[in-house]
């Protein structure tokens, strides 16, 4: 079973992701963290296989968290969930360490599929 962690700055987003994944028997949401500041110590404690990072109110926070995941847990796959899907933003997210960039407008089934296909 893959351990999934959610990093966001909005409880509504966290709950929406949890509800989307609740029926997935192969994905276990092990927690959520506020992404507005460093999360390195909690990443080590929770040791997820997959991390969903919300684009948050301040997109720079999302990029910082993606970089932090890469430094602290280089074997974990990071997925950015965003409303912005323009080329520049996508390139920034991938350069910061996102393995996948997924639009928040995608059908919820796509989130589970994207997580399953992550390494």
Foldseek 3Di string as FASTA:
>chain_A
DFEEEEEEQDVVVVVVLCVLCVVPPVYHDQYYYHLPDDDLVVCVVSVGQEYEYECYPPNVSSLVRQLSCCVRPVNHAYEYEYQDDDPVSVVSNVVSHHPYYHYPPDDSVVVVVVVVPTD
